[in-house]
C-alpha cells in the first residue's frame, strides 16, 4: 500500500506548484515502488507519471504533446522501478538506499540530456555541444539529486525508524514486567 502512496506523492510533487526546478519525489517514489512491489505492477507508476507528463505538457505548459518526446523519460521511469527492485527488494540498507538515490537522478541527468542533445537542434552535435547541454542541465540535476536523497530518506527511513521505536517500546514493556 505504501508503494502506491509514494507514487501519488511523486505525481503531486510534480503537479503542485513548487519554487525549485526538478525538486520532486519521482526518483524516490520509483525506487520505493520497485523495492516494495512485484515488477508485474511496473505499469502503475509508469502510467501515472506518463499521465502527469501529458497533463503538465498540455494543460500547465500549453505545449503540443508528442509521445516520441517522452519515450526516453518513460523508459527511465521503468528502469528506476527495476533498479529499486534489484537493489532494494531483498535487503534495504543505508548504503543501498544511498546508491539508488545517486544512481536514479544521475542516470536521468545523463540519459535525458543526451536525448535532448541528440534529437534536437538546441545544441550543436559536437562534443562541445554535448558538454554545453550537460552544463545547462546541472541546476536541474542538483535539485533532483537533493530531492531524491531527501525523499528516499523519508520513504525508507521513516518506516525503519518506526520499526525501531516499536521494538524499543516492546522491549521496554517486557523489561518492566
Protein backbone atom coordinates (compact mmCIF):
# COMPACT_ATOMS: atom_id res chain seq x y z
CA UNK A 1 0.00 0.00 0.00
CA UNK A 2 2.76 2.47 0.90
CA UNK A 3 4.36 1.95 -2.53
CA UNK A 4 1.21 3.25 -4.19
CA UNK A 5 1.16 6.22 -1.81
CA UNK A 6 4.70 7.12 -2.87
CA UNK A 7 3.54 7.11 -6.50
CA UNK A 8 0.85 9.62 -5.51
CA UNK A 9 3.45 11.71 -3.67
CA UNK A 10 5.65 11.61 -6.79
CA UNK A 11 2.77 12.78 -9.00
CA UNK A 12 1.76 15.53 -6.57
CA UNK A 13 5.36 16.71 -6.26
CA UNK A 14 5.32 17.37 -10.00
CA UNK A 15 1.83 18.84 -10.29
CA UNK A 16 1.68 21.08 -7.23
CA UNK A 17 3.50 24.39 -7.62
CA UNK A 18 6.94 24.46 -6.05
CA UNK A 19 9.74 27.01 -6.25
CA UNK A 20 12.64 24.72 -7.21
CA UNK A 21 13.23 23.25 -10.66
CA UNK A 22 13.13 19.47 -10.63
CA UNK A 23 12.72 19.12 -6.85
CA UNK A 24 10.35 16.16 -6.83
CA UNK A 25 9.73 12.78 -5.25
CA UNK A 26 9.82 10.96 -8.60
CA UNK A 27 13.13 9.12 -8.23
CA UNK A 28 12.45 8.14 -4.62
CA UNK A 29 8.90 7.07 -5.41
CA UNK A 30 10.05 4.86 -8.27
CA UNK A 31 12.84 3.29 -6.20
CA UNK A 32 10.45 2.65 -3.32
CA UNK A 33 7.84 1.15 -5.62
CA UNK A 34 10.43 -1.20 -7.07
CA UNK A 35 11.62 -2.19 -3.60
CA UNK A 36 8.15 -2.95 -2.30
CA UNK A 37 6.11 -4.26 -5.24
CA UNK A 38 6.40 -7.03 -7.80
CA UNK A 39 7.60 -5.99 -11.24
CA UNK A 40 4.24 -7.07 -12.66
CA UNK A 41 2.96 -3.77 -11.19
CA UNK A 42 5.56 -1.66 -13.02
CA UNK A 43 2.87 -0.19 -15.24
CA UNK A 44 1.28 1.67 -12.28
CA UNK A 45 3.99 4.26 -11.63
CA UNK A 46 4.96 4.47 -15.31
CA UNK A 47 1.37 5.19 -16.42
CA UNK A 48 0.74 7.56 -13.50
CA UNK A 49 3.83 9.59 -14.31
CA UNK A 50 3.19 9.42 -18.08
CA UNK A 51 -0.29 10.83 -17.44
CA UNK A 52 1.36 13.54 -15.34
CA UNK A 53 3.71 14.35 -18.23
CA UNK A 54 0.71 14.67 -20.55
CA UNK A 55 -1.18 16.88 -18.10
CA UNK A 56 1.78 19.18 -17.47
CA UNK A 57 2.71 19.47 -21.14
CA UNK A 58 -0.77 20.16 -22.47
CA UNK A 59 -2.51 21.96 -19.64
CA UNK A 60 0.18 23.53 -17.44
CA UNK A 61 2.73 24.48 -20.12
CA UNK A 62 0.32 24.75 -23.08
CA UNK A 63 2.58 22.83 -25.46
CA UNK A 64 1.54 20.24 -28.00
CA UNK A 65 2.10 16.70 -26.77
CA UNK A 66 4.39 14.41 -28.79
CA UNK A 67 4.73 10.87 -27.48
CA UNK A 68 8.17 10.43 -29.03
CA UNK A 69 9.47 13.31 -26.90
CA UNK A 70 8.73 11.30 -23.76
CA UNK A 71 9.80 7.77 -24.65
CA UNK A 72 13.21 8.15 -23.04
CA UNK A 73 11.64 9.55 -19.87
CA UNK A 74 9.07 6.76 -19.67
CA UNK A 75 11.79 4.17 -20.24
CA UNK A 76 13.73 5.77 -17.41
CA UNK A 77 10.69 5.54 -15.11
CA UNK A 78 10.52 1.79 -15.77
CA UNK A 79 14.30 1.40 -15.38
CA UNK A 80 14.29 3.07 -11.94
CA UNK A 81 11.49 0.78 -10.75
CA UNK A 82 13.63 -2.16 -11.89
CA UNK A 83 16.66 -0.61 -10.15
CA UNK A 84 14.67 -0.37 -6.91
CA UNK A 85 13.59 -3.97 -7.33
CA UNK A 86 17.10 -5.28 -7.97
CA UNK A 87 18.89 -3.11 -5.43
CA UNK A 88 16.40 -2.91 -2.56
CA UNK A 89 13.91 -5.75 -2.84
CA UNK A 90 15.73 -8.28 -0.66
CA UNK A 91 17.83 -6.04 1.57
CA UNK A 92 17.38 -2.39 2.45
CA UNK A 93 20.43 -0.73 3.95
CA UNK A 94 21.57 2.87 4.16
CA UNK A 95 24.29 2.15 1.59
CA UNK A 96 21.86 0.55 -0.86
CA UNK A 97 19.32 3.36 -0.49
CA UNK A 98 22.09 5.95 -0.92
CA UNK A 99 23.31 4.12 -4.04
CA UNK A 100 19.81 4.19 -5.52
CA UNK A 101 19.39 7.83 -4.52
CA UNK A 102 22.52 8.71 -6.51
CA UNK A 103 22.01 6.36 -9.46
CA UNK A 104 18.42 7.41 -10.18
CA UNK A 105 18.96 11.16 -10.69
CA UNK A 106 22.41 10.66 -12.23
CA UNK A 107 21.05 8.26 -14.83
CA UNK A 108 18.20 10.66 -15.61
CA UNK A 109 20.62 13.55 -15.98
CA UNK A 110 22.88 11.58 -18.34
CA UNK A 111 20.16 9.96 -20.43
CA UNK A 112 17.74 12.89 -20.71
CA UNK A 113 20.39 15.46 -21.57
CA UNK A 114 21.94 13.12 -24.13
CA UNK A 115 18.47 12.66 -25.66
CA UNK A 116 17.94 16.42 -25.85
CA UNK A 117 21.35 16.92 -27.43
CA UNK A 118 20.99 14.11 -29.97
CA UNK A 119 17.38 14.67 -31.01
CA UNK A 120 17.08 18.45 -31.17
CA UNK A 121 18.81 21.39 -32.73
CA UNK A 122 19.21 23.22 -29.40
CA UNK A 123 22.91 22.34 -29.23
CA UNK A 124 25.50 21.64 -31.93
CA UNK A 125 26.05 17.93 -32.50
CA UNK A 126 29.63 18.09 -31.30
CA UNK A 127 31.36 17.13 -28.07
CA UNK A 128 31.31 20.81 -27.09
CA UNK A 129 27.56 20.93 -27.79
CA UNK A 130 27.01 17.84 -25.65
CA UNK A 131 29.04 19.34 -22.80
CA UNK A 132 27.05 22.58 -23.10
CA UNK A 133 23.83 20.57 -22.90
CA UNK A 134 25.04 18.79 -19.78
CA UNK A 135 26.17 22.08 -18.24
CA UNK A 136 22.71 23.57 -18.86
CA UNK A 137 21.18 20.61 -17.03
CA UNK A 138 23.33 20.92 -13.89
CA UNK A 139 20.85 23.07 -11.87
CA UNK A 140 18.12 20.52 -12.57
CA UNK A 141 20.45 17.65 -11.66
CA UNK A 142 21.48 19.31 -8.41
CA UNK A 143 17.87 19.67 -7.29
CA UNK A 144 16.97 16.16 -8.49
CA UNK A 145 19.90 14.68 -6.55
CA UNK A 146 18.98 16.60 -3.41
CA UNK A 147 15.25 15.85 -3.60
CA UNK A 148 15.80 12.17 -4.35
CA UNK A 149 18.08 11.90 -1.34
CA UNK A 150 15.60 13.64 0.94
CA UNK A 151 12.58 11.71 -0.29
CA UNK A 152 14.47 8.38 -0.17
CA UNK A 153 15.40 9.20 3.40
CA UNK A 154 11.73 9.74 4.18
CA UNK A 155 10.39 6.77 2.19
CA UNK A 156 12.88 4.24 3.51
CA UNK A 157 13.98 5.90 6.76
CA UNK A 158 10.64 6.68 8.40
CA UNK A 159 9.39 3.07 8.30
CA UNK A 160 12.75 1.86 9.67
CA UNK A 161 12.58 4.48 12.44
CA UNK A 162 9.01 3.44 13.26
CA UNK A 163 10.04 -0.22 13.49
CA UNK A 164 13.00 0.67 15.71
CA UNK A 165 10.80 2.74 18.03
CA UNK A 166 8.22 -0.07 18.21
CA UNK A 167 10.96 -2.59 19.04
CA UNK A 168 12.30 -0.36 21.80
CA UNK A 169 8.81 0.22 23.21
CA UNK A 170 8.11 -3.50 23.07
CA UNK A 171 11.43 -4.31 24.78
CA UNK A 172 10.71 -1.67 27.42
CA UNK A 173 7.29 -3.18 28.15
CA UNK A 174 8.86 -6.62 28.68
CA UNK A 175 11.58 -5.16 30.90
CA UNK A 176 9.01 -3.65 33.27
CA UNK A 177 7.05 -6.88 33.61
